[in-house]
């Protein structure tokens, strides 16, 4: 919003009325409009009211204007001068109703751009007064008159928000976000947060997911990742078999909550056939001083010993495991074994097994395989191939949710 000094200049100056015996030229009056005169008996209290406005004494200014109004036989120019000062005083006093009445009188004297300035001031004053309905009314008038101010658009959205009209909030804010993206601009965090809030209030899951993805893409925060990943397992239709995958995202985004999470994730990884992943998880927990501390410290170290043992057993059985996976009817086992080899550090050999499994096909769950294909590529450092695999995941049982979040995480690396 403009400073009061500027607003007074706008509100009074654009009237361009000359005051006999009162300061009028200081308001930047045009030569043509200065021909209208104000008698001294009107101009004197009007001048005093103007000084009170400049001094920030708005209610006193409104009261002083009654002396000017008491003069009989006022001309249209005198009435306009009174209303110009009244508009400024009412704005300072937060009296939007009076501002609106003054504007109705002055409107015919104002050019189009000046009318827009007045309407913007009225809408803003109504918003500060907490009148959402009146703010929306005047913002609507402003845009109908051709206004384009982002400030008024923000007022409109705030009023929609206050009125509880989430449909309007969502429609308008979403349109702004999409316009930003079309123009190559990054949407502001405030806009995306507003889309997210409105979508949640409306129960619009698709738009909520859209807002979350945009926020994670442009403004990634550990706390937002925790909220999004933590809510996955409570989503309708999310398959329990993805428990380890939820932990994987939590680890990648720095959101494993403590020793129990590290312990459980490591054990789930080993049970799923990924002992080297389990080993790395325990090692990370120890390095972060989350594991290995306190009364449970010895137990944590025994778990690491177990992971090391299982890793060694997997390496010793590598040839048999590969033959068994190659002989299977589906490509699932080859992909799983390949991912395990990538976790063990054999990136080239692991990816070869994954690609052999993809070529074999005939999967039990094709979307799961694409998810893990992407995970193998990602852990091998081939991010673009990982992203291509994840974009192909379309499952409705949680696999697509996981793939979409891995896509975002792989772009932000947070």
Protein backbone atom coordinates (compact mmCIF):
# COMPACT_ATOMS: atom_id res chain seq x y z
CA UNK A 1 0.00 0.00 0.00
CA UNK A 2 1.23 3.54 -0.76
CA UNK A 3 2.56 5.75 2.04
CA UNK A 4 0.01 8.12 3.50
CA UNK A 5 1.81 11.13 2.10
CA UNK A 6 1.55 9.71 -1.41
CA UNK A 7 -2.05 8.67 -0.92
CA UNK A 8 -3.00 12.17 0.21
CA UNK A 9 -1.34 13.55 -2.90
CA UNK A 10 -3.28 11.11 -5.05
CA UNK A 11 -6.58 11.44 -3.24
CA UNK A 12 -6.62 15.24 -3.14
CA UNK A 13 -4.26 16.29 -5.87
CA UNK A 14 -5.93 14.51 -8.74
CA UNK A 15 -9.08 16.54 -8.14
CA UNK A 16 -7.24 19.60 -9.44
CA UNK A 17 -9.41 22.17 -7.71
CA UNK A 18 -8.11 25.61 -6.75
CA UNK A 19 -8.92 26.81 -3.22
CA UNK A 20 -9.41 30.58 -2.71
CA UNK A 21 -7.39 31.49 0.35
CA UNK A 22 -6.42 27.84 0.90
CA UNK A 23 -3.44 25.75 -0.19
CA UNK A 24 -4.46 24.27 -3.53
CA UNK A 25 -1.50 24.57 -5.89
CA UNK A 26 0.61 22.35 -3.63
CA UNK A 27 -1.56 19.40 -4.62
CA UNK A 28 -0.29 19.44 -8.19
CA UNK A 29 -3.40 20.91 -9.84
CA UNK A 30 -3.67 21.03 -13.60
CA UNK A 31 -3.98 24.41 -15.30
CA UNK A 32 -7.36 23.62 -16.87
CA UNK A 33 -9.00 22.22 -13.76
CA UNK A 34 -7.69 25.05 -11.57
CA UNK A 35 -10.31 27.34 -13.09
CA UNK A 36 -12.93 25.99 -10.63
CA UNK A 37 -12.83 28.07 -7.46
CA UNK A 38 -13.64 27.52 -3.80
CA UNK A 39 -14.88 30.43 -1.70
CA UNK A 40 -12.89 31.45 1.34
CA UNK A 41 -15.63 30.45 3.78
CA UNK A 42 -15.42 26.90 2.39
CA UNK A 43 -11.69 26.96 1.68
CA UNK A 44 -10.58 27.97 5.17
CA UNK A 45 -12.01 24.93 7.04
CA UNK A 46 -11.07 22.79 4.05
CA UNK A 47 -7.47 23.96 4.33
CA UNK A 48 -7.48 23.24 8.05
CA UNK A 49 -8.87 19.76 7.39
CA UNK A 50 -6.13 19.16 4.81
CA UNK A 51 -3.47 20.10 7.36
CA UNK A 52 -5.02 17.71 9.89
CA UNK A 53 -4.85 14.90 7.30
CA UNK A 54 -1.18 15.61 6.71
CA UNK A 55 -0.62 15.57 10.48
CA UNK A 56 -2.25 12.16 10.73
CA UNK A 57 -5.27 13.50 12.65
CA UNK A 58 -7.86 11.85 10.45
CA UNK A 59 -10.91 11.88 12.71
CA UNK A 60 -10.32 15.55 13.53
CA UNK A 61 -10.08 16.23 9.80
CA UNK A 62 -13.41 14.52 9.17
CA UNK A 63 -14.98 16.61 11.91
CA UNK A 64 -13.49 19.86 10.51
CA UNK A 65 -15.02 19.12 7.10
CA UNK A 66 -18.45 19.57 8.66
CA UNK A 67 -17.62 23.31 8.96
CA UNK A 68 -17.05 23.47 5.21
CA UNK A 69 -20.27 21.53 4.59
CA UNK A 70 -22.20 24.00 6.76
CA UNK A 71 -21.70 26.75 4.16
CA UNK A 72 -24.80 27.11 2.05
CA UNK A 73 -25.06 27.29 -1.71
CA UNK A 74 -21.95 25.22 -2.36
CA UNK A 75 -20.84 24.75 -5.94
CA UNK A 76 -20.00 21.42 -7.54
CA UNK A 77 -16.31 22.40 -7.38
CA UNK A 78 -16.57 23.08 -3.64
CA UNK A 79 -18.29 19.75 -3.04
CA UNK A 80 -15.59 17.98 -5.03
CA UNK A 81 -12.86 19.65 -2.99
CA UNK A 82 -14.57 18.61 0.25
CA UNK A 83 -14.94 15.02 -0.94
CA UNK A 84 -11.30 14.89 -2.03
CA UNK A 85 -10.08 15.77 1.45
CA UNK A 86 -12.76 13.56 3.01
CA UNK A 87 -11.53 10.58 0.97
CA UNK A 88 -7.99 11.03 2.31
CA UNK A 89 -9.15 11.53 5.88
CA UNK A 90 -11.47 8.52 5.73
CA UNK A 91 -8.68 6.39 4.34
CA UNK A 92 -6.42 7.33 7.21
CA UNK A 93 -9.23 6.64 9.67
CA UNK A 94 -9.96 3.26 8.10
CA UNK A 95 -13.49 4.32 7.15
CA UNK A 96 -13.99 2.56 3.82
CA UNK A 97 -17.72 3.29 3.64
CA UNK A 98 -17.03 7.03 3.67
CA UNK A 99 -14.29 6.57 1.09
CA UNK A 100 -16.75 4.78 -1.19
CA UNK A 101 -19.33 7.57 -0.85
CA UNK A 102 -16.69 10.21 -1.62
CA UNK A 103 -15.53 8.27 -4.64
CA UNK A 104 -19.08 8.16 -6.03
CA UNK A 105 -19.13 11.97 -5.93
CA UNK A 106 -15.65 12.38 -7.40
CA UNK A 107 -15.79 9.68 -10.05
CA UNK A 108 -16.89 11.93 -12.89
CA UNK A 109 -13.90 14.23 -12.23
CA UNK A 110 -11.34 11.44 -12.36
CA UNK A 111 -9.63 9.87 -15.32
CA UNK A 112 -9.54 6.09 -15.73
CA UNK A 113 -6.13 5.51 -14.08
CA UNK A 114 -7.13 7.76 -11.17
CA UNK A 115 -10.38 5.88 -10.66
CA UNK A 116 -8.39 2.67 -10.42
CA UNK A 117 -6.17 4.20 -7.73
CA UNK A 118 -9.21 5.17 -5.71
CA UNK A 119 -10.82 1.75 -6.07
CA UNK A 120 -7.58 0.07 -5.02
CA UNK A 121 -7.46 2.24 -1.90
CA UNK A 122 -11.09 1.42 -1.05
CA UNK A 123 -10.59 -2.33 -1.50
CA UNK A 124 -7.46 -2.25 0.66
CA UNK A 125 -9.20 -0.33 3.43
CA UNK A 126 -12.11 -2.77 3.46
CA UNK A 127 -9.64 -5.67 3.66
CA UNK A 128 -7.85 -4.14 6.64
CA UNK A 129 -11.22 -3.60 8.29
CA UNK A 130 -11.96 -7.32 7.91
CA UNK A 131 -14.82 -6.96 5.42
CA UNK A 132 -14.15 -9.76 2.94
CA UNK A 133 -17.42 -9.24 1.05
CA UNK A 134 -16.82 -5.54 0.46
CA UNK A 135 -13.19 -6.18 -0.49
CA UNK A 136 -14.33 -8.67 -3.12
CA UNK A 137 -16.96 -6.20 -4.36
CA UNK A 138 -14.44 -3.40 -4.88
CA UNK A 139 -11.73 -5.66 -6.24
CA UNK A 140 -14.32 -6.87 -8.74
CA UNK A 141 -15.13 -3.28 -9.72
CA UNK A 142 -11.42 -2.57 -10.09
CA UNK A 143 -10.81 -5.47 -12.47
CA UNK A 144 -14.02 -4.77 -14.38
CA UNK A 145 -12.68 -1.25 -14.98
CA UNK A 146 -9.52 -2.67 -16.52
CA UNK A 147 -7.21 -2.72 -13.50
CA UNK A 148 -4.28 -5.13 -13.49
CA UNK A 149 -2.50 -4.44 -10.20
CA UNK A 150 -0.98 -7.56 -8.55
CA UNK A 151 -1.63 -5.87 -5.20
CA UNK A 152 -5.38 -5.86 -5.84
CA UNK A 153 -5.25 -9.47 -7.00
CA UNK A 154 -3.59 -10.33 -3.70
CA UNK A 155 -6.30 -8.43 -1.82
CA UNK A 156 -8.93 -10.37 -3.73
CA UNK A 157 -7.32 -13.70 -2.85
CA UNK A 158 -6.96 -12.76 0.80
CA UNK A 159 -10.62 -11.80 0.91
CA UNK A 160 -11.63 -15.06 -0.76
CA UNK A 161 -9.54 -16.89 1.79
CA UNK A 162 -11.13 -15.02 4.70
CA UNK A 163 -14.60 -15.68 3.34
CA UNK A 164 -13.89 -19.41 3.16
CA UNK A 165 -14.44 -19.53 -0.60
CA UNK A 166 -11.75 -22.11 -1.31
CA UNK A 167 -13.11 -22.81 -4.78
CA UNK A 168 -12.38 -19.25 -5.86
CA UNK A 169 -9.03 -19.20 -4.05
CA UNK A 170 -7.97 -22.41 -5.75
CA UNK A 171 -9.14 -21.36 -9.20
CA UNK A 172 -7.47 -17.94 -9.12
CA UNK A 173 -4.22 -18.98 -7.44
CA UNK A 174 -3.81 -22.08 -9.57
CA UNK A 175 -4.28 -19.95 -12.69
CA UNK A 176 -1.53 -17.61 -11.47
CA UNK A 177 0.85 -20.50 -10.76
CA UNK A 178 0.26 -21.96 -14.21
CA UNK A 179 0.70 -18.54 -15.84
CA UNK A 180 4.03 -18.15 -14.04
CA UNK A 181 5.20 -21.53 -15.29
CA UNK A 182 4.06 -20.82 -18.84
CA UNK A 183 6.09 -17.60 -18.76
CA UNK A 184 9.14 -19.44 -17.46
CA UNK A 185 8.89 -17.98 -13.95
CA UNK A 186 9.12 -19.96 -10.72
CA UNK A 187 5.82 -19.55 -8.83
CA UNK A 188 6.22 -17.93 -5.42
CA UNK A 189 6.23 -20.12 -2.35
CA UNK A 190 3.25 -18.19 -0.96
CA UNK A 191 1.17 -18.98 -4.05
CA UNK A 192 2.03 -22.67 -3.92
CA UNK A 193 1.30 -22.84 -0.19
CA UNK A 194 -2.08 -21.22 -0.83
CA UNK A 195 -2.89 -23.76 -3.57
CA UNK A 196 -1.89 -26.56 -1.19
CA UNK A 197 -4.03 -25.23 1.66
CA UNK A 198 -7.08 -24.62 -0.54
CA UNK A 199 -6.76 -28.07 -2.15
CA UNK A 200 -6.57 -29.71 1.28
CA UNK A 201 -9.64 -27.80 2.47
CA UNK A 202 -11.58 -28.86 -0.63
CA UNK A 203 -10.37 -32.44 -0.49
CA UNK A 204 -8.90 -32.10 -3.98
CA UNK A 205 -6.23 -34.81 -3.86
CA UNK A 206 -4.94 -34.31 -7.40
CA UNK A 207 -4.32 -30.59 -6.92
CA UNK A 208 -2.85 -31.19 -3.48
CA UNK A 209 -0.34 -33.62 -5.01
CA UNK A 210 0.43 -31.06 -7.73
CA UNK A 211 1.12 -28.31 -5.16
CA UNK A 212 3.27 -30.60 -3.01
CA UNK A 213 5.35 -31.62 -6.02
CA UNK A 214 5.88 -27.99 -7.04
CA UNK A 215 6.86 -27.02 -3.49
CA UNK A 216 9.30 -29.90 -3.26
CA UNK A 217 10.72 -29.02 -6.68
CA UNK A 218 11.21 -25.31 -6.05
CA UNK A 219 11.32 -24.94 -2.26
CA UNK A 220 12.43 -28.30 -0.84
CA UNK A 221 12.40 -28.46 2.95
CA UNK A 222 13.20 -31.38 5.21
CA UNK A 223 9.99 -30.75 7.14
CA UNK A 224 7.81 -30.86 4.02
CA UNK A 225 9.50 -34.07 2.92
CA UNK A 226 8.80 -35.55 6.36
CA UNK A 227 5.13 -34.62 6.08
CA UNK A 228 4.71 -35.97 2.55
CA UNK A 229 6.65 -39.22 2.95
CA UNK A 230 5.22 -39.81 6.43
CA UNK A 231 1.67 -39.69 5.09
CA UNK A 232 2.22 -42.24 2.30
CA UNK A 233 1.32 -45.35 4.26
CA UNK A 234 -1.96 -43.85 5.42
CA UNK A 235 -3.12 -43.21 1.84
CA UNK A 236 -5.99 -45.34 0.66
CA UNK A 237 -4.75 -48.30 -1.37
CA UNK A 238 -1.09 -47.92 -0.40
CA UNK A 239 0.36 -51.45 -0.33
CA UNK A 240 2.09 -52.63 2.88
CA UNK A 241 4.89 -54.24 0.85
CA UNK A 242 6.34 -50.77 0.26
CA UNK A 243 7.37 -50.25 3.89
CA UNK A 244 11.07 -50.47 3.06
CA UNK A 245 10.58 -48.03 0.19
CA UNK A 246 9.07 -45.45 2.51
CA UNK A 247 12.13 -45.79 4.73
CA UNK A 248 14.36 -45.37 1.66
CA UNK A 249 12.78 -42.00 0.88
CA UNK A 250 12.98 -40.94 4.51
CA UNK A 251 16.68 -41.77 4.55
CA UNK A 252 17.31 -39.96 1.25
CA UNK A 253 15.57 -36.80 2.52
CA UNK A 254 17.15 -36.84 5.98
CA UNK A 255 14.00 -37.92 7.76
CA UNK A 256 14.77 -41.18 9.55
CA UNK A 257 13.58 -40.31 13.05
CA UNK A 258 15.96 -42.23 15.31
CA UNK A 259 17.69 -45.47 16.26
CA UNK A 260 14.55 -47.60 15.93
CA UNK A 261 14.00 -46.43 12.35
CA UNK A 262 17.59 -47.19 11.36
CA UNK A 263 17.37 -50.62 13.00
CA UNK A 264 14.05 -51.55 11.43
CA UNK A 265 15.05 -50.30 7.97
CA UNK A 266 18.31 -52.28 8.06
CA UNK A 267 16.51 -55.46 9.05
CA UNK A 268 13.81 -54.97 6.40
CA UNK A 269 16.50 -54.47 3.77
CA UNK A 270 18.31 -57.67 4.76
CA UNK A 271 15.05 -59.65 4.85
CA UNK A 272 14.16 -58.36 1.37
CA UNK A 273 17.46 -59.63 -0.03
CA UNK A 274 19.53 -56.44 0.19
CA UNK A 275 22.09 -57.15 2.95
CA UNK A 276 24.59 -54.58 1.66
CA UNK A 277 21.92 -51.90 1.78
CA UNK A 278 21.22 -52.96 5.37
CA UNK A 279 24.93 -52.76 6.16
CA UNK A 280 25.15 -49.22 4.76
CA UNK A 281 22.12 -48.12 6.77
CA UNK A 282 23.66 -49.30 10.04
CA UNK A 283 26.98 -47.68 9.11
CA UNK A 284 25.23 -44.39 8.40
CA UNK A 285 23.43 -44.56 11.74
CA UNK A 286 26.71 -45.20 13.55
CA UNK A 287 28.47 -42.38 11.68
CA UNK A 288 25.66 -39.99 12.64
CA UNK A 289 25.88 -41.12 16.30
CA UNK A 290 22.25 -42.21 16.13
CA UNK A 291 23.30 -45.82 16.59
CA UNK A 292 26.03 -47.16 18.86
CA UNK A 293 25.07 -44.95 21.79
CA UNK A 294 23.71 -45.65 25.25
CA UNK A 295 22.36 -48.92 26.59
CA UNK A 296 21.45 -50.16 23.10
CA UNK A 297 24.86 -49.40 21.60
CA UNK A 298 26.14 -52.98 21.82
CA UNK A 299 22.95 -54.27 20.16
CA UNK A 300 23.42 -51.85 17.28
CA UNK A 301 26.97 -53.09 16.71
CA UNK A 302 25.77 -56.69 16.76
CA UNK A 303 23.32 -55.77 14.01
CA UNK A 304 26.19 -54.42 11.94
CA UNK A 305 28.06 -57.70 12.46
CA UNK A 306 24.96 -59.55 11.25
CA UNK A 307 24.73 -57.33 8.14
CA UNK A 308 28.42 -57.95 7.37
CA UNK A 309 27.85 -61.70 7.71
CA UNK A 310 24.82 -61.67 5.41
CA UNK A 311 26.71 -59.57 2.86
CA UNK A 312 29.54 -62.12 2.85
CA UNK A 313 27.08 -64.98 2.45
CA UNK A 314 25.46 -63.22 -0.53
CA UNK A 315 28.83 -62.76 -2.20
CA UNK A 316 29.75 -66.40 -1.61
CA UNK A 317 26.47 -67.50 -3.21
CA UNK A 318 26.62 -64.99 -6.07
CA UNK A 319 27.00 -67.56 -8.88
CA UNK A 320 24.13 -69.74 -7.67
CA UNK A 321 21.92 -66.70 -7.10
CA UNK A 322 22.55 -65.51 -10.64
CA UNK A 323 21.79 -68.92 -12.16
CA UNK A 324 18.58 -69.18 -10.15
CA UNK A 325 17.43 -65.71 -11.21
CA UNK A 326 18.24 -66.43 -14.86
CA UNK A 327 16.25 -69.68 -14.73
CA UNK A 328 13.15 -68.03 -13.24
CA UNK A 329 10.10 -67.63 -15.48
CA UNK A 330 9.86 -63.91 -14.81
CA UNK A 331 12.41 -61.10 -14.90
CA UNK A 332 11.58 -60.06 -11.33
CA UNK A 333 14.46 -61.95 -9.68
CA UNK A 334 17.07 -60.64 -12.08
CA UNK A 335 16.00 -57.05 -11.39
CA UNK A 336 16.01 -57.68 -7.64
CA UNK A 337 19.42 -59.32 -7.75
CA UNK A 338 20.77 -56.52 -9.92
CA UNK A 339 19.59 -53.90 -7.44
CA UNK A 340 21.23 -55.86 -4.62
CA UNK A 341 24.52 -55.92 -6.57
CA UNK A 342 24.33 -52.15 -7.09
CA UNK A 343 23.93 -51.69 -3.32
CA UNK A 344 26.98 -53.92 -2.89
CA UNK A 345 29.03 -51.61 -5.10
CA UNK A 346 29.03 -53.63 -8.32
CA UNK A 347 27.27 -50.98 -10.37
CA UNK A 348 28.10 -52.27 -13.85
CA UNK A 349 27.33 -55.90 -13.01
CA UNK A 350 24.19 -54.97 -11.14
CA UNK A 351 22.80 -52.84 -13.96
CA UNK A 352 23.54 -55.64 -16.45
CA UNK A 353 21.36 -57.98 -14.37
CA UNK A 354 18.63 -55.36 -14.11
CA UNK A 355 18.61 -54.85 -17.88
CA UNK A 356 18.56 -58.62 -18.45
CA UNK A 357 15.54 -58.82 -16.17
CA UNK A 358 13.77 -56.00 -18.00
CA UNK A 359 14.44 -57.74 -21.32
CA UNK A 360 13.05 -61.01 -19.97
CA UNK A 361 9.78 -59.38 -18.91
CA UNK A 362 6.75 -61.39 -17.79
CA UNK A 363 6.74 -59.53 -14.45
CA UNK A 364 4.54 -60.27 -11.46
CA UNK A 365 4.11 -56.52 -10.91
CA UNK A 366 5.48 -54.46 -13.79
CA UNK A 367 5.25 -51.15 -11.93
CA UNK A 368 7.27 -52.50 -9.00
CA UNK A 369 9.97 -53.60 -11.41
CA UNK A 370 10.12 -50.14 -13.04
CA UNK A 371 10.34 -48.56 -9.59
CA UNK A 372 13.32 -50.73 -8.64
CA UNK A 373 14.90 -50.34 -12.06
CA UNK A 374 14.89 -46.59 -11.38
CA UNK A 375 16.33 -47.14 -7.91
CA UNK A 376 19.16 -49.24 -9.36
CA UNK A 377 20.02 -46.60 -11.96
CA UNK A 378 19.85 -43.84 -9.35
CA UNK A 379 22.16 -45.60 -6.89
CA UNK A 380 24.53 -46.32 -9.77
CA UNK A 381 24.70 -42.61 -10.55
CA UNK A 382 22.68 -42.72 -13.79
CA UNK A 383 20.03 -40.21 -12.79
CA UNK A 384 18.52 -39.51 -16.22
CA UNK A 385 17.89 -43.23 -16.81
CA UNK A 386 16.42 -43.51 -13.31
CA UNK A 387 14.03 -40.66 -14.02
CA UNK A 388 12.91 -42.23 -17.30
CA UNK A 389 12.13 -45.47 -15.48
CA UNK A 390 10.21 -43.71 -12.72
CA UNK A 391 8.15 -41.70 -15.19
CA UNK A 392 6.85 -44.99 -16.59
CA UNK A 393 5.43 -46.14 -13.22
CA UNK A 394 1.62 -45.86 -13.24
CA UNK A 395 0.51 -48.18 -10.43
CA UNK A 396 -2.35 -47.19 -8.13
CA UNK A 397 -1.09 -49.18 -5.13
CA UNK A 398 1.61 -46.73 -4.04
CA UNK A 399 4.28 -47.48 -6.65
CA UNK A 400 3.47 -44.36 -8.69
CA UNK A 401 3.46 -42.19 -5.55
CA UNK A 402 6.90 -43.48 -4.65
CA UNK A 403 8.22 -43.07 -8.20
CA UNK A 404 6.91 -39.49 -8.40
CA UNK A 405 8.63 -38.57 -5.13
CA UNK A 406 11.88 -40.19 -6.25
CA UNK A 407 11.67 -38.10 -9.41
CA UNK A 408 11.39 -34.94 -7.33
CA UNK A 409 14.12 -36.02 -4.92
CA UNK A 410 16.48 -36.88 -7.77
CA UNK A 411 16.05 -33.36 -9.17
CA UNK A 412 16.53 -31.54 -5.87
CA UNK A 413 19.01 -33.93 -4.22
CA UNK A 414 17.90 -32.72 -0.80
